[in-house]
Amino acid sequence: MSDRLIRNWVYGGFLAGLLLLALTWLLAQDWPLWLTSIWLLLPIYMIHQYEEHDADRFRLFVNQHVSGGREALTPLAVFLINIPGVWGVIVVAFALAWNVRPGLGLIAVYLVLVNAVIHIVAALVMRRNNPGLGTAIVLFIPAGLLALRIVNYTAPSRADHAIGLAFGIAIHLAIILYMRIRTARLAS
């Protein structure tokens, strides 16, 4: 069963994302707009993940075009990156924004925006489409920028922005570092 979950998480995530969107009007009716804007990043990310990972597209793309045919990303790595590394981070950012201070929600905002920038830069550098590029442009850029603007009305500190951006960059750098180390091990 765990192998099926590891290999097929994206389909449940997509459906859960649609369900979270459908429930937002009920759950968020008493929330401030800044909190709702952070909340919406989770189902939006889940929809993005469907475009990105359906039929294992992202893992196969990265292994072929970035890692020279080596299995830098395994199904387990993709699962761990996306479930605790994306869903978990957004949930923690949402909880911190709600319970500590709104500016900590920028962790989720910058995670989305950094991911969008990486998809776009990769497409420009490689001169080809990549799995997830469409929703990165159509969903992440407008939703991320809108959430950034709305959260900025709560007057987050420079430290909040730095923490958010640092998390967004660090998560993506950790993935790149993991892939490079794994690719180097497979090559030797």
N, C-alpha and C. Protein backbone atom coordinates (compact mmCIF):
# COMPACT_ATOMS: atom_id res chain seq x y z
N MET A 1 0.81 -1.19 0.00
CA MET A 1 0.00 0.00 0.00
C MET A 1 0.86 1.27 0.00
N SER A 2 1.95 1.27 0.77
CA SER A 2 2.78 2.49 0.81
C SER A 2 3.38 2.80 -0.55
N ASP A 3 3.73 1.78 -1.32
CA ASP A 3 4.27 2.02 -2.66
C ASP A 3 3.22 2.69 -3.55
N ARG A 4 1.97 2.26 -3.44
CA ARG A 4 0.90 2.90 -4.23
C ARG A 4 0.71 4.35 -3.81
N LEU A 5 0.77 4.62 -2.51
CA LEU A 5 0.66 6.01 -2.05
C LEU A 5 1.82 6.85 -2.55
N ILE A 6 3.01 6.31 -2.49
CA ILE A 6 4.20 7.03 -2.94
C ILE A 6 4.12 7.32 -4.43
N ARG A 7 3.61 6.38 -5.20
CA ARG A 7 3.55 6.56 -6.66
C ARG A 7 2.31 7.32 -7.15
N ASN A 8 1.26 7.38 -6.33
CA ASN A 8 -0.01 7.95 -6.81
C ASN A 8 -0.55 9.09 -5.95
N TRP A 9 0.28 9.65 -5.10
CA TRP A 9 -0.15 10.73 -4.21
C TRP A 9 -0.76 11.91 -4.96
N VAL A 10 -0.26 12.17 -6.15
CA VAL A 10 -0.67 13.37 -6.88
C VAL A 10 -2.15 13.35 -7.23
N TYR A 11 -2.73 12.17 -7.43
CA TYR A 11 -4.13 12.10 -7.82
C TYR A 11 -5.04 12.42 -6.63
N GLY A 12 -4.69 11.89 -5.47
CA GLY A 12 -5.43 12.25 -4.26
C GLY A 12 -5.24 13.72 -3.92
N GLY A 13 -4.02 14.21 -4.15
CA GLY A 13 -3.73 15.62 -3.89
C GLY A 13 -4.55 16.54 -4.77
N PHE A 14 -4.67 16.18 -6.03
CA PHE A 14 -5.46 17.00 -6.96
C PHE A 14 -6.91 17.07 -6.50
N LEU A 15 -7.47 15.91 -6.16
CA LEU A 15 -8.87 15.88 -5.71
C LEU A 15 -9.03 16.61 -4.38
N ALA A 16 -8.06 16.44 -3.48
CA ALA A 16 -8.10 17.17 -2.21
C ALA A 16 -8.00 18.67 -2.45
N GLY A 17 -7.19 19.08 -3.41
CA GLY A 17 -7.07 20.50 -3.73
C GLY A 17 -8.40 21.08 -4.20
N LEU A 18 -9.09 20.33 -5.05
CA LEU A 18 -10.41 20.79 -5.51
C LEU A 18 -11.38 20.87 -4.33
N LEU A 19 -11.33 19.87 -3.44
CA LEU A 19 -12.20 19.87 -2.27
C LEU A 19 -11.89 21.05 -1.35
N LEU A 20 -10.61 21.33 -1.11
CA LEU A 20 -10.24 22.48 -0.27
C LEU A 20 -10.73 23.79 -0.89
N LEU A 21 -10.61 23.91 -2.20
CA LEU A 21 -11.13 25.11 -2.87
C LEU A 21 -12.64 25.23 -2.67
N ALA A 22 -13.33 24.11 -2.84
CA ALA A 22 -14.79 24.12 -2.70
C ALA A 22 -15.22 24.45 -1.28
N LEU A 23 -14.43 24.08 -0.29
CA LEU A 23 -14.77 24.33 1.11
C LEU A 23 -14.32 25.71 1.61
N THR A 24 -13.51 26.39 0.84
CA THR A 24 -12.94 27.65 1.29
C THR A 24 -14.01 28.66 1.69
N TRP A 25 -15.06 28.77 0.91
CA TRP A 25 -16.10 29.75 1.22
C TRP A 25 -16.70 29.51 2.60
N LEU A 26 -16.77 28.25 3.02
CA LEU A 26 -17.33 27.91 4.32
C LEU A 26 -16.30 28.07 5.44
N LEU A 27 -15.11 27.52 5.21
CA LEU A 27 -14.08 27.55 6.24
C LEU A 27 -13.57 28.96 6.51
N ALA A 28 -13.43 29.74 5.47
CA ALA A 28 -12.75 31.04 5.58
C ALA A 28 -13.70 32.22 5.75
N GLN A 29 -14.95 31.97 5.99
CA GLN A 29 -15.90 33.10 6.03
C GLN A 29 -15.61 34.11 7.13
N ASP A 30 -14.97 33.68 8.22
CA ASP A 30 -14.63 34.61 9.29
C ASP A 30 -13.14 34.95 9.35
N TRP A 31 -12.39 34.47 8.38
CA TRP A 31 -10.95 34.73 8.37
C TRP A 31 -10.68 36.09 7.75
N PRO A 32 -9.59 36.72 8.17
CA PRO A 32 -9.17 37.93 7.46
C PRO A 32 -8.68 37.55 6.05
N LEU A 33 -8.75 38.50 5.15
CA LEU A 33 -8.37 38.23 3.76
C LEU A 33 -6.94 37.73 3.64
N TRP A 34 -6.02 38.25 4.44
CA TRP A 34 -4.62 37.83 4.36
C TRP A 34 -4.48 36.34 4.70
N LEU A 35 -5.26 35.84 5.65
CA LEU A 35 -5.19 34.43 6.03
C LEU A 35 -5.77 33.56 4.92
N THR A 36 -6.86 34.00 4.34
CA THR A 36 -7.47 33.26 3.23
C THR A 36 -6.51 33.20 2.04
N SER A 37 -5.79 34.28 1.78
CA SER A 37 -4.86 34.28 0.65
C SER A 37 -3.73 33.27 0.85
N ILE A 38 -3.32 33.08 2.09
CA ILE A 38 -2.29 32.07 2.39
C ILE A 38 -2.89 30.67 2.26
N TRP A 39 -4.07 30.48 2.82
CA TRP A 39 -4.78 29.19 2.75
C TRP A 39 -4.92 28.72 1.30
N LEU A 40 -5.33 29.62 0.42
CA LEU A 40 -5.59 29.25 -0.98
C LEU A 40 -4.35 28.75 -1.70
N LEU A 41 -3.17 29.08 -1.20
CA LEU A 41 -1.95 28.61 -1.86
C LEU A 41 -1.81 27.09 -1.79
N LEU A 42 -2.37 26.46 -0.75
CA LEU A 42 -2.28 24.99 -0.66
C LEU A 42 -3.08 24.31 -1.77
N PRO A 43 -4.38 24.57 -1.93
CA PRO A 43 -5.07 23.90 -3.04
C PRO A 43 -4.55 24.32 -4.42
N ILE A 44 -4.10 25.56 -4.54
CA ILE A 44 -3.52 25.98 -5.82
C ILE A 44 -2.25 25.18 -6.10
N TYR A 45 -1.45 24.96 -5.09
CA TYR A 45 -0.23 24.15 -5.26
C TYR A 45 -0.59 22.71 -5.62
N MET A 46 -1.64 22.17 -5.02
CA MET A 46 -2.06 20.80 -5.31
C MET A 46 -2.50 20.66 -6.76
N ILE A 47 -3.16 21.67 -7.29
CA ILE A 47 -3.57 21.65 -8.70
C ILE A 47 -2.33 21.73 -9.59
N HIS A 48 -1.39 22.59 -9.23
CA HIS A 48 -0.12 22.68 -9.96
C HIS A 48 0.60 21.32 -9.97
N GLN A 49 0.61 20.65 -8.82
CA GLN A 49 1.30 19.37 -8.73
C GLN A 49 0.69 18.33 -9.68
N TYR A 50 -0.60 18.42 -9.92
CA TYR A 50 -1.21 17.48 -10.87
C TYR A 50 -0.63 17.69 -12.27
N GLU A 51 -0.56 18.93 -12.70
CA GLU A 51 0.05 19.18 -14.02
C GLU A 51 1.51 18.72 -14.04
N GLU A 52 2.18 18.95 -12.95
CA GLU A 52 3.61 18.67 -12.87
C GLU A 52 3.92 17.17 -12.78
N HIS A 53 3.15 16.44 -11.99
CA HIS A 53 3.51 15.06 -11.66
C HIS A 53 2.61 13.99 -12.24
N ASP A 54 1.54 14.34 -12.94
CA ASP A 54 0.69 13.32 -13.57
C ASP A 54 1.55 12.41 -14.45
N ALA A 55 1.32 11.13 -14.35
CA ALA A 55 2.07 10.12 -15.12
C ALA A 55 3.57 10.21 -14.86
N ASP A 56 3.94 10.70 -13.68
CA ASP A 56 5.35 10.76 -13.27
C ASP A 56 6.18 11.69 -14.16
N ARG A 57 5.51 12.66 -14.78
CA ARG A 57 6.15 13.51 -15.79
C ARG A 57 7.36 14.28 -15.26
N PHE A 58 7.24 14.89 -14.09
CA PHE A 58 8.34 15.72 -13.59
C PHE A 58 9.57 14.88 -13.29
N ARG A 59 9.38 13.79 -12.58
CA ARG A 59 10.52 12.93 -12.21
C ARG A 59 11.22 12.41 -13.46
N LEU A 60 10.46 11.94 -14.42
CA LEU A 60 11.05 11.43 -15.66
C LEU A 60 11.76 12.54 -16.43
N PHE A 61 11.16 13.73 -16.47
CA PHE A 61 11.75 14.87 -17.16
C PHE A 61 13.09 15.24 -16.53
N VAL A 62 13.10 15.39 -15.21
CA VAL A 62 14.33 15.78 -14.50
C VAL A 62 15.41 14.71 -14.69
N ASN A 63 15.03 13.46 -14.53
CA ASN A 63 16.03 12.39 -14.66
C ASN A 63 16.62 12.35 -16.07
N GLN A 64 15.81 12.60 -17.07
CA GLN A 64 16.32 12.55 -18.44
C GLN A 64 17.06 13.83 -18.84
N HIS A 65 16.48 14.97 -18.56
CA HIS A 65 17.01 16.22 -19.11
C HIS A 65 17.94 16.98 -18.17
N VAL A 66 17.89 16.69 -16.89
CA VAL A 66 18.74 17.41 -15.94
C VAL A 66 19.85 16.50 -15.42
N SER A 67 19.53 15.24 -15.23
CA SER A 67 20.50 14.30 -14.63
C SER A 67 21.11 13.33 -15.62
N GLY A 68 20.98 13.63 -16.89
CA GLY A 68 21.64 12.82 -17.92
C GLY A 68 21.20 11.37 -17.96
N GLY A 69 19.93 11.11 -17.68
CA GLY A 69 19.40 9.75 -17.73
C GLY A 69 19.56 8.97 -16.43
N ARG A 70 20.19 9.57 -15.45
CA ARG A 70 20.34 8.90 -14.14
C ARG A 70 19.12 9.20 -13.27
N GLU A 71 18.82 8.30 -12.35
CA GLU A 71 17.65 8.47 -11.49
C GLU A 71 18.00 9.34 -10.28
N ALA A 72 18.12 10.64 -10.54
CA ALA A 72 18.40 11.59 -9.47
C ALA A 72 17.20 11.72 -8.54
N LEU A 73 16.01 11.64 -9.11
CA LEU A 73 14.78 11.68 -8.32
C LEU A 73 14.11 10.32 -8.37
N THR A 74 13.85 9.77 -7.22
CA THR A 74 13.11 8.51 -7.11
C THR A 74 11.66 8.84 -6.77
N PRO A 75 10.75 7.88 -6.93
CA PRO A 75 9.37 8.14 -6.50
C PRO A 75 9.28 8.53 -5.02
N LEU A 76 10.07 7.91 -4.16
CA LEU A 76 10.05 8.26 -2.75
C LEU A 76 10.53 9.70 -2.53
N ALA A 77 11.57 10.11 -3.22
CA ALA A 77 12.07 11.48 -3.09
C ALA A 77 11.00 12.48 -3.52
N VAL A 78 10.33 12.21 -4.61
CA VAL A 78 9.28 13.11 -5.10
C VAL A 78 8.15 13.20 -4.07
N PHE A 79 7.78 12.07 -3.50
CA PHE A 79 6.74 12.04 -2.47
C PHE A 79 7.15 12.90 -1.27
N LEU A 80 8.37 12.70 -0.78
CA LEU A 80 8.84 13.43 0.40
C LEU A 80 9.00 14.92 0.12
N ILE A 81 9.45 15.26 -1.07
CA ILE A 81 9.57 16.67 -1.45
C ILE A 81 8.20 17.34 -1.43
N ASN A 82 7.21 16.66 -1.95
CA ASN A 82 5.90 17.29 -2.15
C ASN A 82 4.95 17.20 -0.97
N ILE A 83 4.98 16.11 -0.22
CA ILE A 83 4.03 16.01 0.89
C ILE A 83 4.55 16.79 2.10
N PRO A 84 5.61 16.36 2.77
CA PRO A 84 6.07 17.21 3.88
C PRO A 84 6.73 18.50 3.39
N GLY A 85 7.43 18.44 2.25
CA GLY A 85 8.21 19.59 1.78
C GLY A 85 7.40 20.70 1.16
N VAL A 86 6.21 20.42 0.68
CA VAL A 86 5.34 21.46 0.13
C VAL A 86 4.08 21.58 0.99
N TRP A 87 3.29 20.50 1.04
CA TRP A 87 2.05 20.58 1.82
C TRP A 87 2.35 20.92 3.27
N GLY A 88 3.32 20.22 3.85
CA GLY A 88 3.67 20.44 5.25
C GLY A 88 4.15 21.85 5.50
N VAL A 89 5.00 22.35 4.63
CA VAL A 89 5.53 23.71 4.79
C VAL A 89 4.40 24.74 4.69
N ILE A 90 3.50 24.56 3.75
CA ILE A 90 2.40 25.52 3.62
C ILE A 90 1.49 25.45 4.85
N VAL A 91 1.21 24.26 5.34
CA VAL A 91 0.38 24.14 6.55
C VAL A 91 1.06 24.80 7.74
N VAL A 92 2.36 24.58 7.90
CA VAL A 92 3.09 25.21 9.01
C VAL A 92 3.09 26.74 8.84
N ALA A 93 3.30 27.22 7.63
CA ALA A 93 3.28 28.66 7.39
C ALA A 93 1.91 29.25 7.71
N PHE A 94 0.86 28.55 7.32
CA PHE A 94 -0.51 28.98 7.63
C PHE A 94 -0.72 29.04 9.15
N ALA A 95 -0.28 27.99 9.84
CA ALA A 95 -0.43 27.94 11.30
C ALA A 95 0.38 29.04 11.98
N LEU A 96 1.59 29.28 11.51
CA LEU A 96 2.41 30.35 12.09
C LEU A 96 1.77 31.72 11.84
N ALA A 97 1.24 31.91 10.64
CA ALA A 97 0.59 33.18 10.33
C ALA A 97 -0.62 33.40 11.23
N TRP A 98 -1.36 32.36 11.47
CA TRP A 98 -2.57 32.46 12.28
C TRP A 98 -2.24 32.66 13.76
N ASN A 99 -1.25 31.90 14.25
CA ASN A 99 -0.99 31.84 15.69
C ASN A 99 0.16 32.73 16.18
N VAL A 100 1.06 33.11 15.29
CA VAL A 100 2.22 33.90 15.73
C VAL A 100 2.12 35.32 15.16
N ARG A 101 2.26 35.44 13.83
CA ARG A 101 2.08 36.74 13.18
C ARG A 101 1.88 36.52 11.68
N PRO A 102 1.07 37.37 11.07
CA PRO A 102 0.73 37.20 9.66
C PRO A 102 1.93 37.12 8.72
N GLY A 103 2.99 37.84 9.01
CA GLY A 103 4.15 37.87 8.12
C GLY A 103 4.80 36.51 7.92
N LEU A 104 4.63 35.61 8.86
CA LEU A 104 5.22 34.28 8.69
C LEU A 104 4.50 33.46 7.61
N GLY A 105 3.33 33.91 7.21
CA GLY A 105 2.65 33.30 6.07
C GLY A 105 3.40 33.52 4.77
N LEU A 106 4.34 34.46 4.78
CA LEU A 106 5.16 34.70 3.58
C LEU A 106 6.02 33.49 3.23
N ILE A 107 6.21 32.58 4.15
CA ILE A 107 6.92 31.33 3.84
C ILE A 107 6.18 30.61 2.71
N ALA A 108 4.86 30.50 2.82
CA ALA A 108 4.06 29.85 1.77
C ALA A 108 4.07 30.68 0.49
N VAL A 109 3.97 31.99 0.64
CA VAL A 109 3.92 32.88 -0.53
C VAL A 109 5.21 32.76 -1.34
N TYR A 110 6.34 32.85 -0.67
CA TYR A 110 7.62 32.78 -1.39
C TYR A 110 7.91 31.38 -1.91
N LEU A 111 7.41 30.34 -1.24
CA LEU A 111 7.57 28.99 -1.77
C LEU A 111 6.92 28.89 -3.15
N VAL A 112 5.72 29.44 -3.27
CA VAL A 112 5.00 29.44 -4.54
C VAL A 112 5.73 30.28 -5.58
N LEU A 113 6.12 31.48 -5.21
CA LEU A 113 6.76 32.39 -6.17
C LEU A 113 8.14 31.88 -6.61
N VAL A 114 8.92 31.34 -5.70
CA VAL A 114 10.24 30.80 -6.07
C VAL A 114 10.05 29.62 -7.02
N ASN A 115 9.07 28.77 -6.74
CA ASN A 115 8.83 27.63 -7.63
C ASN A 115 8.44 28.12 -9.03
N ALA A 116 7.61 29.14 -9.10
CA ALA A 116 7.21 29.68 -10.41
C ALA A 116 8.42 30.21 -11.16
N VAL A 117 9.26 30.96 -10.48
CA VAL A 117 10.46 31.52 -11.12
C VAL A 117 11.37 30.39 -11.62
N ILE A 118 11.53 29.35 -10.84
CA ILE A 118 12.38 28.23 -11.26
C ILE A 118 11.82 27.56 -12.51
N HIS A 119 10.51 27.35 -12.55
CA HIS A 119 9.91 26.76 -13.76
C HIS A 119 10.14 27.64 -14.98
N ILE A 120 9.97 28.93 -14.81
CA ILE A 120 10.11 29.86 -15.94
C ILE A 120 11.58 29.96 -16.38
N VAL A 121 12.48 30.11 -15.44
CA VAL A 121 13.91 30.19 -15.78
C VAL A 121 14.38 28.89 -16.43
N ALA A 122 13.94 27.76 -15.90
CA ALA A 122 14.33 26.47 -16.50
C ALA A 122 13.83 26.37 -17.95
N ALA A 123 12.62 26.83 -18.20
CA ALA A 123 12.09 26.80 -19.57
C ALA A 123 12.91 27.70 -20.49
N LEU A 124 13.30 28.86 -20.00
CA LEU A 124 14.10 29.77 -20.83
C LEU A 124 15.51 29.22 -21.08
N VAL A 125 16.13 28.70 -20.04
CA VAL A 125 17.49 28.16 -20.17
C VAL A 125 17.50 26.92 -21.06
N MET A 126 16.55 26.02 -20.84
CA MET A 126 16.52 24.77 -21.60
C MET A 126 15.83 24.93 -22.96
N ARG A 127 15.16 26.06 -23.12
CA ARG A 127 14.41 26.34 -24.35
C ARG A 127 13.40 25.25 -24.68
N ARG A 128 12.69 24.86 -23.60
CA ARG A 128 11.66 23.83 -23.76
C ARG A 128 10.69 23.91 -22.61
N ASN A 129 9.52 23.39 -22.84
CA ASN A 129 8.50 23.30 -21.81
C ASN A 129 8.98 22.36 -20.70
N ASN A 130 8.46 22.52 -19.51
CA ASN A 130 8.75 21.58 -18.44
C ASN A 130 7.45 21.30 -17.69
N PRO A 131 7.34 20.12 -17.11
CA PRO A 131 6.10 19.79 -16.39
C PRO A 131 5.86 20.75 -15.23
N GLY A 132 4.72 21.40 -15.26
CA GLY A 132 4.37 22.36 -14.23
C GLY A 132 4.48 23.81 -14.68
N LEU A 133 5.07 24.05 -15.83
CA LEU A 133 5.28 25.43 -16.30
C LEU A 133 3.96 26.17 -16.51
N GLY A 134 2.98 25.51 -17.09
CA GLY A 134 1.70 26.17 -17.37
C GLY A 134 1.03 26.72 -16.12
N THR A 135 0.89 25.87 -15.11
CA THR A 135 0.23 26.33 -13.88
C THR A 135 1.14 27.24 -13.06
N ALA A 136 2.44 27.13 -13.23
CA ALA A 136 3.34 28.07 -12.56
C ALA A 136 3.08 29.48 -13.07
N ILE A 137 2.84 29.60 -14.37
CA ILE A 137 2.57 30.91 -14.97
C ILE A 137 1.13 31.35 -14.69
N VAL A 138 0.17 30.47 -14.93
CA VAL A 138 -1.24 30.83 -14.87
C VAL A 138 -1.78 30.92 -13.44
N LEU A 139 -1.28 30.07 -12.54
CA LEU A 139 -1.78 30.06 -11.16
C LEU A 139 -0.81 30.69 -10.16
N PHE A 140 0.45 30.25 -10.20
CA PHE A 140 1.40 30.67 -9.16
C PHE A 140 1.73 32.16 -9.21
N ILE A 141 1.99 32.67 -10.39
CA ILE A 141 2.36 34.08 -10.48
C ILE A 141 1.22 34.98 -9.98
N PRO A 142 0.00 34.85 -10.53
CA PRO A 142 -1.05 35.75 -10.02
C PRO A 142 -1.43 35.48 -8.56
N ALA A 143 -1.56 34.22 -8.16
CA ALA A 143 -1.95 33.91 -6.77
C ALA A 143 -0.85 34.30 -5.80
N GLY A 144 0.39 34.04 -6.17
CA GLY A 144 1.51 34.39 -5.30
C GLY A 144 1.67 35.89 -5.14
N LEU A 145 1.58 36.63 -6.25
CA LEU A 145 1.71 38.08 -6.17
C LEU A 145 0.53 38.72 -5.43
N LEU A 146 -0.68 38.17 -5.64
CA LEU A 146 -1.83 38.69 -4.93
C LEU A 146 -1.71 38.42 -3.43
N ALA A 147 -1.30 37.21 -3.06
CA ALA A 147 -1.11 36.90 -1.64
C ALA A 147 -0.01 37.78 -1.04
N LEU A 148 1.05 38.01 -1.78
CA LEU A 148 2.12 38.88 -1.31
C LEU A 148 1.58 40.29 -1.04
N ARG A 149 0.81 40.79 -1.96
CA ARG A 149 0.23 42.13 -1.79
C ARG A 149 -0.71 42.18 -0.58
N ILE A 150 -1.55 41.17 -0.45
CA ILE A 150 -2.53 41.15 0.65
C ILE A 150 -1.82 41.00 1.99
N VAL A 151 -0.86 40.09 2.08
CA VAL A 151 -0.12 39.91 3.34
C VAL A 151 0.67 41.17 3.67
N ASN A 152 1.14 41.87 2.65
CA ASN A 152 1.89 43.12 2.90
C ASN A 152 1.04 44.17 3.60
N TYR A 153 -0.28 44.10 3.47
CA TYR A 153 -1.15 45.03 4.19
C TYR A 153 -1.10 44.82 5.70
N THR A 154 -0.60 43.66 6.14
CA THR A 154 -0.47 43.41 7.59
C THR A 154 0.85 43.98 8.12
N ALA A 155 1.61 44.64 7.27
CA ALA A 155 2.90 45.25 7.63
C ALA A 155 3.91 44.24 8.17
N PRO A 156 4.20 43.20 7.37
CA PRO A 156 5.22 42.25 7.82
C PRO A 156 6.59 42.94 7.86
N SER A 157 7.44 42.44 8.72
CA SER A 157 8.78 43.02 8.86
C SER A 157 9.68 42.57 7.71
N ARG A 158 10.80 43.23 7.60
CA ARG A 158 11.81 42.78 6.63
C ARG A 158 12.27 41.37 6.98
N ALA A 159 12.33 41.08 8.27
CA ALA A 159 12.72 39.74 8.70
C ALA A 159 11.70 38.71 8.23
N ASP A 160 10.40 39.04 8.26
CA ASP A 160 9.37 38.11 7.76
C ASP A 160 9.59 37.82 6.27
N HIS A 161 9.88 38.88 5.51
CA HIS A 161 10.16 38.68 4.08
C HIS A 161 11.42 37.84 3.89
N ALA A 162 12.44 38.13 4.67
CA ALA A 162 13.70 37.38 4.56
C ALA A 162 13.50 35.92 4.94
N ILE A 163 12.74 35.67 5.99
CA ILE A 163 12.46 34.28 6.40
C ILE A 163 11.69 33.56 5.31
N GLY A 164 10.66 34.20 4.79
CA GLY A 164 9.86 33.58 3.73
C GLY A 164 10.68 33.27 2.50
N LEU A 165 11.44 34.25 2.03
CA LEU A 165 12.26 34.06 0.84
C LEU A 165 13.34 33.02 1.10
N ALA A 166 13.95 33.06 2.28
CA ALA A 166 14.99 32.08 2.61
C ALA A 166 14.44 30.66 2.59
N PHE A 167 13.25 30.46 3.15
CA PHE A 167 12.65 29.12 3.11
C PHE A 167 12.36 28.69 1.69
N GLY A 168 11.78 29.58 0.89
CA GLY A 168 11.47 29.24 -0.50
C GLY A 168 12.71 28.85 -1.27
N ILE A 169 13.77 29.60 -1.10
CA ILE A 169 15.02 29.29 -1.80
C ILE A 169 15.68 28.05 -1.22
N ALA A 170 15.72 27.93 0.11
CA ALA A 170 16.40 26.80 0.76
C ALA A 170 15.78 25.47 0.38
N ILE A 171 14.47 25.42 0.33
CA ILE A 171 13.80 24.16 -0.05
C ILE A 171 14.20 23.75 -1.45
N HIS A 172 14.21 24.70 -2.37
CA HIS A 172 14.58 24.38 -3.75
C HIS A 172 16.07 24.06 -3.89
N LEU A 173 16.90 24.77 -3.14
CA LEU A 173 18.34 24.45 -3.16
C LEU A 173 18.60 23.06 -2.57
N ALA A 174 17.86 22.69 -1.55
CA ALA A 174 18.02 21.35 -0.96
C ALA A 174 17.68 20.27 -1.98
N ILE A 175 16.66 20.50 -2.76
CA ILE A 175 16.29 19.53 -3.80
C ILE A 175 17.39 19.43 -4.84
N ILE A 176 17.91 20.57 -5.28
CA ILE A 176 19.00 20.57 -6.27
C ILE A 176 20.24 19.89 -5.72
N LEU A 177 20.59 20.18 -4.48
CA LEU A 177 21.74 19.55 -3.85
C LEU A 177 21.55 18.05 -3.74
N TYR A 178 20.38 17.61 -3.31
CA TYR A 178 20.08 16.18 -3.24
C TYR A 178 20.26 15.52 -4.60
N MET A 179 19.73 16.15 -5.65
CA MET A 179 19.84 15.58 -6.99
C MET A 179 21.29 15.51 -7.46
N ARG A 180 22.06 16.55 -7.19
CA ARG A 180 23.48 16.55 -7.61
C ARG A 180 24.26 15.47 -6.90
N ILE A 181 24.04 15.34 -5.60
CA ILE A 181 24.76 14.31 -4.83
C ILE A 181 24.36 12.92 -5.34
N ARG A 182 23.08 12.71 -5.54
CA ARG A 182 22.61 11.40 -6.02
C ARG A 182 23.12 11.11 -7.43
N THR A 183 23.11 12.11 -8.29
CA THR A 183 23.60 11.94 -9.66
C THR A 183 25.09 11.61 -9.64
N ALA A 184 25.86 12.28 -8.81
CA ALA A 184 27.31 12.03 -8.70
C ALA A 184 27.56 10.60 -8.20
N ARG A 185 26.78 10.16 -7.23
CA ARG A 185 26.94 8.78 -6.72
C ARG A 185 26.61 7.75 -7.78
N LEU A 186 25.55 8.02 -8.56
CA LEU A 186 25.16 7.08 -9.61
C LEU A 186 26.18 7.05 -10.74
N ALA A 187 26.87 8.18 -10.96
CA ALA A 187 27.85 8.25 -12.04
C ALA A 187 29.15 7.53 -11.69
N SER A 188 29.42 7.36 -10.39
CA SER A 188 30.71 6.74 -10.01
C SER A 188 30.60 5.25 -9.87
